[in-house]
Amino acid sequence: QVPLVESGGGLVQAGGSLRLSCAASGRTFSIYSMAWFRQAPGKEREFVAVINWSGGTTYVIDSVKGRFTISRDIAKRTLYLQMNSLKVEDTAVYYCAADGSYRVQAGYDYWGQGTQVTVSS
């Protein structure tokens, strides 16, 4: 098991920034991929970004490219999502996810409880 706990969400004006954190515990040595997803009201959950836990290779979706950065601190066993130039359409519950295999947009075994990000105009 790899319990995940997100933090860092909140209310911010459009154009502002937030940094989300996701603290992992338990069998963290088994992690291969970690990712961020989001779910806006009335919409399906959407993949946002992924990182290879050991190598650090990243991939983000086009709609956040240049604004969001995914990173991790292996020693702290923490995943981050730096979100800059936030837009109203970024409003969603953000979830982190982890898996012991190579994953990109689906198939994650472990999920956090989510943290709300609200961007006001």
N, C-alpha and C. Protein backbone atom coordinates (compact mmCIF):
# COMPACT_ATOMS: atom_id res chain seq x y z
N GLN A 1 0.82 -1.19 0.00
CA GLN A 1 0.00 0.00 0.00
C GLN A 1 0.87 1.25 0.00
N VAL A 2 0.37 2.28 -0.66
CA VAL A 2 1.07 3.57 -0.72
C VAL A 2 0.04 4.67 -0.46
N PRO A 3 -0.20 4.96 0.80
CA PRO A 3 -1.12 6.07 1.10
C PRO A 3 -0.59 7.39 0.56
N LEU A 4 -1.50 8.18 -0.01
CA LEU A 4 -1.14 9.47 -0.59
C LEU A 4 -2.01 10.56 0.02
N VAL A 5 -1.40 11.67 0.40
CA VAL A 5 -2.14 12.78 1.00
C VAL A 5 -1.77 14.07 0.29
N GLU A 6 -2.78 14.68 -0.38
CA GLU A 6 -2.55 15.94 -1.07
C GLU A 6 -2.76 17.12 -0.13
N SER A 7 -2.12 18.23 -0.47
CA SER A 7 -2.32 19.49 0.24
C SER A 7 -1.95 20.62 -0.70
N GLY A 8 -2.31 21.83 -0.28
CA GLY A 8 -1.90 23.01 -1.03
C GLY A 8 -2.97 23.65 -1.88
N GLY A 9 -4.15 23.04 -1.93
CA GLY A 9 -5.22 23.64 -2.70
C GLY A 9 -5.75 24.89 -2.01
N GLY A 10 -6.62 25.61 -2.73
CA GLY A 10 -7.20 26.80 -2.15
C GLY A 10 -7.86 27.66 -3.20
N LEU A 11 -8.17 28.88 -2.80
CA LEU A 11 -8.81 29.86 -3.68
C LEU A 11 -7.76 30.88 -4.13
N VAL A 12 -7.70 31.10 -5.44
CA VAL A 12 -6.73 32.04 -5.98
C VAL A 12 -7.36 32.78 -7.14
N GLN A 13 -6.93 34.00 -7.37
CA GLN A 13 -7.43 34.77 -8.50
C GLN A 13 -6.76 34.31 -9.79
N ALA A 14 -7.45 34.51 -10.88
CA ALA A 14 -6.88 34.18 -12.18
C ALA A 14 -5.55 34.90 -12.36
N GLY A 15 -4.58 34.17 -12.89
CA GLY A 15 -3.24 34.71 -13.04
C GLY A 15 -2.32 34.39 -11.87
N GLY A 16 -2.89 33.89 -10.79
CA GLY A 16 -2.10 33.57 -9.61
C GLY A 16 -1.46 32.21 -9.68
N SER A 17 -0.84 31.81 -8.57
CA SER A 17 -0.10 30.55 -8.51
C SER A 17 -0.46 29.78 -7.26
N LEU A 18 -0.34 28.47 -7.36
CA LEU A 18 -0.46 27.57 -6.23
C LEU A 18 0.53 26.43 -6.43
N ARG A 19 0.98 25.85 -5.32
CA ARG A 19 1.79 24.64 -5.40
C ARG A 19 1.11 23.53 -4.61
N LEU A 20 0.76 22.47 -5.30
CA LEU A 20 0.17 21.31 -4.66
C LEU A 20 1.27 20.34 -4.25
N SER A 21 1.05 19.67 -3.13
CA SER A 21 1.97 18.65 -2.65
C SER A 21 1.21 17.35 -2.46
N CYS A 22 1.92 16.25 -2.61
CA CYS A 22 1.34 14.93 -2.39
C CYS A 22 2.38 14.10 -1.64
N ALA A 23 2.10 13.85 -0.37
CA ALA A 23 3.03 13.09 0.47
C ALA A 23 2.72 11.61 0.39
N ALA A 24 3.72 10.82 0.07
CA ALA A 24 3.56 9.37 -0.04
C ALA A 24 4.15 8.69 1.18
N SER A 25 3.55 7.60 1.58
CA SER A 25 4.08 6.82 2.69
C SER A 25 3.92 5.34 2.37
N GLY A 26 4.35 4.49 3.29
CA GLY A 26 4.23 3.05 3.05
C GLY A 26 5.33 2.56 2.10
N ARG A 27 4.94 1.73 1.14
CA ARG A 27 5.89 1.06 0.25
C ARG A 27 6.32 1.98 -0.90
N THR A 28 6.90 3.11 -0.56
CA THR A 28 7.27 4.09 -1.58
C THR A 28 8.39 3.59 -2.48
N PHE A 29 9.16 2.60 -2.01
CA PHE A 29 10.24 2.06 -2.84
C PHE A 29 9.68 1.38 -4.09
N SER A 30 8.40 1.06 -4.05
CA SER A 30 7.79 0.36 -5.18
C SER A 30 7.23 1.30 -6.24
N ILE A 31 7.30 2.61 -5.99
CA ILE A 31 6.70 3.57 -6.93
C ILE A 31 7.54 3.67 -8.19
N TYR A 32 6.88 3.63 -9.34
CA TYR A 32 7.54 3.85 -10.63
C TYR A 32 7.04 5.14 -11.26
N SER A 33 5.73 5.35 -11.22
CA SER A 33 5.13 6.53 -11.83
C SER A 33 4.24 7.25 -10.81
N MET A 34 4.26 8.58 -10.87
CA MET A 34 3.32 9.37 -10.08
C MET A 34 2.73 10.44 -10.98
N ALA A 35 1.48 10.77 -10.71
CA ALA A 35 0.79 11.67 -11.62
C ALA A 35 -0.20 12.56 -10.88
N TRP A 36 -0.63 13.59 -11.58
CA TRP A 36 -1.70 14.46 -11.12
C TRP A 36 -2.87 14.35 -12.10
N PHE A 37 -4.06 14.26 -11.54
CA PHE A 37 -5.31 14.29 -12.29
C PHE A 37 -6.17 15.40 -11.70
N ARG A 38 -7.19 15.78 -12.43
CA ARG A 38 -8.14 16.75 -11.90
C ARG A 38 -9.54 16.43 -12.39
N GLN A 39 -10.51 16.84 -11.60
CA GLN A 39 -11.91 16.64 -11.97
C GLN A 39 -12.69 17.90 -11.68
N ALA A 40 -13.18 18.52 -12.73
CA ALA A 40 -14.01 19.71 -12.59
C ALA A 40 -15.46 19.30 -12.38
N PRO A 41 -16.27 20.18 -11.81
CA PRO A 41 -17.68 19.84 -11.57
C PRO A 41 -18.39 19.43 -12.87
N GLY A 42 -19.05 18.30 -12.83
CA GLY A 42 -19.81 17.85 -13.98
C GLY A 42 -18.98 17.26 -15.10
N LYS A 43 -17.68 17.11 -14.88
CA LYS A 43 -16.81 16.57 -15.92
C LYS A 43 -16.11 15.31 -15.45
N GLU A 44 -15.58 14.56 -16.39
CA GLU A 44 -14.84 13.36 -16.06
C GLU A 44 -13.45 13.74 -15.54
N ARG A 45 -12.86 12.83 -14.80
CA ARG A 45 -11.51 13.05 -14.31
C ARG A 45 -10.55 13.14 -15.49
N GLU A 46 -9.62 14.07 -15.41
CA GLU A 46 -8.70 14.37 -16.51
C GLU A 46 -7.26 14.22 -16.05
N PHE A 47 -6.47 13.53 -16.84
CA PHE A 47 -5.04 13.42 -16.58
C PHE A 47 -4.39 14.79 -16.83
N VAL A 48 -3.44 15.16 -15.95
CA VAL A 48 -2.76 16.45 -16.08
C VAL A 48 -1.26 16.28 -16.35
N ALA A 49 -0.59 15.48 -15.52
CA ALA A 49 0.87 15.38 -15.66
C ALA A 49 1.36 14.10 -14.99
N VAL A 50 2.50 13.61 -15.44
CA VAL A 50 3.10 12.39 -14.87
C VAL A 50 4.61 12.58 -14.76
N ILE A 51 5.20 11.88 -13.79
CA ILE A 51 6.64 11.89 -13.62
C ILE A 51 7.13 10.48 -13.33
N ASN A 52 8.25 10.13 -13.94
CA ASN A 52 8.92 8.89 -13.59
C ASN A 52 9.62 9.11 -12.26
N TRP A 53 9.26 8.33 -11.24
CA TRP A 53 9.69 8.64 -9.89
C TRP A 53 11.21 8.66 -9.74
N SER A 54 11.90 7.71 -10.32
CA SER A 54 13.35 7.65 -10.14
C SER A 54 14.09 8.51 -11.15
N GLY A 55 13.69 8.45 -12.42
CA GLY A 55 14.41 9.16 -13.47
C GLY A 55 14.04 10.62 -13.62
N GLY A 56 12.84 10.96 -13.21
CA GLY A 56 12.43 12.35 -13.28
C GLY A 56 11.84 12.80 -14.61
N THR A 57 11.72 11.91 -15.56
CA THR A 57 11.11 12.27 -16.85
C THR A 57 9.66 12.69 -16.62
N THR A 58 9.26 13.77 -17.29
CA THR A 58 7.91 14.29 -17.09
C THR A 58 7.15 14.44 -18.41
N TYR A 59 5.84 14.50 -18.25
CA TYR A 59 4.95 14.78 -19.38
C TYR A 59 3.74 15.51 -18.84
N VAL A 60 3.34 16.61 -19.51
CA VAL A 60 2.15 17.35 -19.11
C VAL A 60 1.26 17.54 -20.34
N ILE A 61 -0.01 17.68 -20.09
CA ILE A 61 -0.94 17.87 -21.21
C ILE A 61 -0.78 19.27 -21.79
N ASP A 62 -1.19 19.41 -23.03
CA ASP A 62 -0.96 20.66 -23.75
C ASP A 62 -1.64 21.86 -23.08
N SER A 63 -2.81 21.66 -22.49
CA SER A 63 -3.55 22.79 -21.93
C SER A 63 -2.86 23.42 -20.72
N VAL A 64 -1.91 22.74 -20.12
CA VAL A 64 -1.20 23.31 -18.96
C VAL A 64 0.29 23.47 -19.23
N LYS A 65 0.73 23.07 -20.40
CA LYS A 65 2.15 23.17 -20.74
C LYS A 65 2.61 24.62 -20.68
N GLY A 66 3.75 24.83 -20.03
CA GLY A 66 4.25 26.19 -19.86
C GLY A 66 3.71 26.89 -18.64
N ARG A 67 2.66 26.33 -18.02
CA ARG A 67 2.07 26.92 -16.81
C ARG A 67 2.25 26.01 -15.60
N PHE A 68 2.12 24.71 -15.78
CA PHE A 68 2.22 23.74 -14.69
C PHE A 68 3.54 22.97 -14.80
N THR A 69 4.14 22.69 -13.66
CA THR A 69 5.36 21.90 -13.60
C THR A 69 5.21 20.80 -12.56
N ILE A 70 5.44 19.56 -12.97
CA ILE A 70 5.41 18.44 -12.04
C ILE A 70 6.85 18.12 -11.62
N SER A 71 7.02 17.85 -10.33
CA SER A 71 8.35 17.52 -9.83
C SER A 71 8.19 16.64 -8.61
N ARG A 72 9.33 16.12 -8.13
CA ARG A 72 9.26 15.28 -6.93
C ARG A 72 10.54 15.43 -6.13
N ASP A 73 10.41 15.18 -4.84
CA ASP A 73 11.55 15.14 -3.93
C ASP A 73 11.59 13.72 -3.37
N ILE A 74 12.54 12.94 -3.86
CA ILE A 74 12.59 11.54 -3.47
C ILE A 74 12.85 11.38 -1.97
N ALA A 75 13.75 12.19 -1.44
CA ALA A 75 14.08 12.09 -0.01
C ALA A 75 12.86 12.38 0.86
N LYS A 76 12.04 13.33 0.44
CA LYS A 76 10.85 13.69 1.20
C LYS A 76 9.65 12.84 0.79
N ARG A 77 9.82 12.02 -0.25
CA ARG A 77 8.73 11.17 -0.74
C ARG A 77 7.49 12.01 -1.04
N THR A 78 7.73 13.13 -1.72
CA THR A 78 6.68 14.08 -1.99
C THR A 78 6.65 14.46 -3.47
N LEU A 79 5.47 14.48 -4.03
CA LEU A 79 5.20 14.91 -5.39
C LEU A 79 4.65 16.33 -5.35
N TYR A 80 5.02 17.13 -6.36
CA TYR A 80 4.56 18.52 -6.40
C TYR A 80 3.92 18.83 -7.75
N LEU A 81 3.05 19.84 -7.73
CA LEU A 81 2.53 20.42 -8.96
C LEU A 81 2.54 21.92 -8.78
N GLN A 82 3.49 22.59 -9.42
CA GLN A 82 3.55 24.04 -9.39
C GLN A 82 2.64 24.56 -10.50
N MET A 83 1.66 25.35 -10.11
CA MET A 83 0.68 25.86 -11.06
C MET A 83 0.78 27.38 -11.12
N ASN A 84 1.17 27.90 -12.26
CA ASN A 84 1.29 29.34 -12.47
C ASN A 84 0.30 29.81 -13.53
N SER A 85 0.08 31.09 -13.58
CA SER A 85 -0.85 31.68 -14.56
C SER A 85 -2.18 30.93 -14.57
N LEU A 86 -2.72 30.71 -13.41
CA LEU A 86 -3.95 29.91 -13.30
C LEU A 86 -5.11 30.57 -14.00
N LYS A 87 -5.97 29.74 -14.58
CA LYS A 87 -7.15 30.20 -15.29
C LYS A 87 -8.40 29.67 -14.59
N VAL A 88 -9.51 30.32 -14.84
CA VAL A 88 -10.77 29.88 -14.23
C VAL A 88 -11.04 28.41 -14.58
N GLU A 89 -10.70 28.02 -15.79
CA GLU A 89 -10.95 26.65 -16.23
C GLU A 89 -10.04 25.62 -15.56
N ASP A 90 -9.08 26.05 -14.76
CA ASP A 90 -8.25 25.13 -13.99
C ASP A 90 -8.95 24.70 -12.69
N THR A 91 -10.08 25.32 -12.39
CA THR A 91 -10.83 24.98 -11.18
C THR A 91 -11.25 23.51 -11.20
N ALA A 92 -10.87 22.79 -10.16
CA ALA A 92 -11.16 21.35 -10.09
C ALA A 92 -10.66 20.81 -8.77
N VAL A 93 -11.05 19.57 -8.49
CA VAL A 93 -10.40 18.81 -7.42
C VAL A 93 -9.20 18.11 -8.05
N TYR A 94 -8.05 18.30 -7.45
CA TYR A 94 -6.81 17.73 -7.98
C TYR A 94 -6.43 16.51 -7.14
N TYR A 95 -6.12 15.43 -7.84
CA TYR A 95 -5.75 14.17 -7.19
C TYR A 95 -4.35 13.76 -7.61
N CYS A 96 -3.61 13.20 -6.67
CA CYS A 96 -2.36 12.56 -7.07
C CYS A 96 -2.57 11.05 -7.11
N ALA A 97 -1.75 10.40 -7.91
CA ALA A 97 -1.85 8.96 -8.10
C ALA A 97 -0.46 8.36 -8.23
N ALA A 98 -0.34 7.09 -7.86
CA ALA A 98 0.95 6.40 -7.92
C ALA A 98 0.76 4.97 -8.38
N ASP A 99 1.80 4.43 -8.98
CA ASP A 99 1.75 3.03 -9.40
C ASP A 99 3.15 2.47 -9.48
N GLY A 100 3.23 1.16 -9.35
CA GLY A 100 4.52 0.49 -9.38
C GLY A 100 5.00 0.15 -10.77
N SER A 101 4.24 0.53 -11.79
CA SER A 101 4.61 0.25 -13.17
C SER A 101 4.64 1.54 -13.97
N TYR A 102 5.13 1.42 -15.22
CA TYR A 102 5.11 2.57 -16.11
C TYR A 102 3.65 2.89 -16.45
N ARG A 103 3.25 4.08 -16.12
CA ARG A 103 1.90 4.55 -16.43
C ARG A 103 1.98 5.95 -16.99
N VAL A 104 0.97 6.30 -17.76
CA VAL A 104 0.87 7.69 -18.21
C VAL A 104 -0.50 8.21 -17.80
N GLN A 105 -1.53 7.88 -18.57
CA GLN A 105 -2.83 8.49 -18.33
C GLN A 105 -3.84 7.60 -17.65
N ALA A 106 -3.49 6.35 -17.35
CA ALA A 106 -4.47 5.47 -16.73
C ALA A 106 -3.76 4.31 -16.02
N GLY A 107 -4.53 3.60 -15.22
CA GLY A 107 -4.04 2.36 -14.64
C GLY A 107 -3.38 2.49 -13.29
N TYR A 108 -3.53 3.61 -12.61
CA TYR A 108 -2.87 3.82 -11.33
C TYR A 108 -3.59 3.06 -10.22
N ASP A 109 -2.80 2.47 -9.33
CA ASP A 109 -3.37 1.69 -8.23
C ASP A 109 -3.68 2.53 -7.00
N TYR A 110 -2.92 3.58 -6.76
CA TYR A 110 -3.05 4.33 -5.51
C TYR A 110 -3.46 5.77 -5.79
N TRP A 111 -4.39 6.25 -4.96
CA TRP A 111 -4.95 7.58 -5.16
C TRP A 111 -5.03 8.32 -3.84
N GLY A 112 -4.85 9.64 -3.92
CA GLY A 112 -5.09 10.48 -2.77
C GLY A 112 -6.56 10.87 -2.68
N GLN A 113 -6.88 11.65 -1.66
CA GLN A 113 -8.27 12.01 -1.42
C GLN A 113 -8.69 13.26 -2.19
N GLY A 114 -7.73 13.98 -2.74
CA GLY A 114 -8.03 15.16 -3.53
C GLY A 114 -7.90 16.46 -2.75
N THR A 115 -7.58 17.52 -3.46
CA THR A 115 -7.53 18.86 -2.87
C THR A 115 -8.17 19.83 -3.85
N GLN A 116 -9.02 20.71 -3.32
CA GLN A 116 -9.80 21.62 -4.16
C GLN A 116 -8.95 22.82 -4.58
N VAL A 117 -8.98 23.12 -5.86
CA VAL A 117 -8.38 24.34 -6.40
C VAL A 117 -9.49 25.14 -7.06
N THR A 118 -9.67 26.36 -6.60
CA THR A 118 -10.69 27.24 -7.17
C THR A 118 -10.02 28.51 -7.66
N VAL A 119 -10.23 28.81 -8.93
CA VAL A 119 -9.64 30.01 -9.53
C VAL A 119 -10.78 30.98 -9.84
N SER A 120 -10.72 32.15 -9.27
CA SER A 120 -11.77 33.15 -9.48
C SER A 120 -11.34 34.16 -10.54
N SER A 121 -12.36 34.71 -11.21
CA SER A 121 -12.07 35.68 -12.29
C SER A 121 -11.91 37.08 -11.74
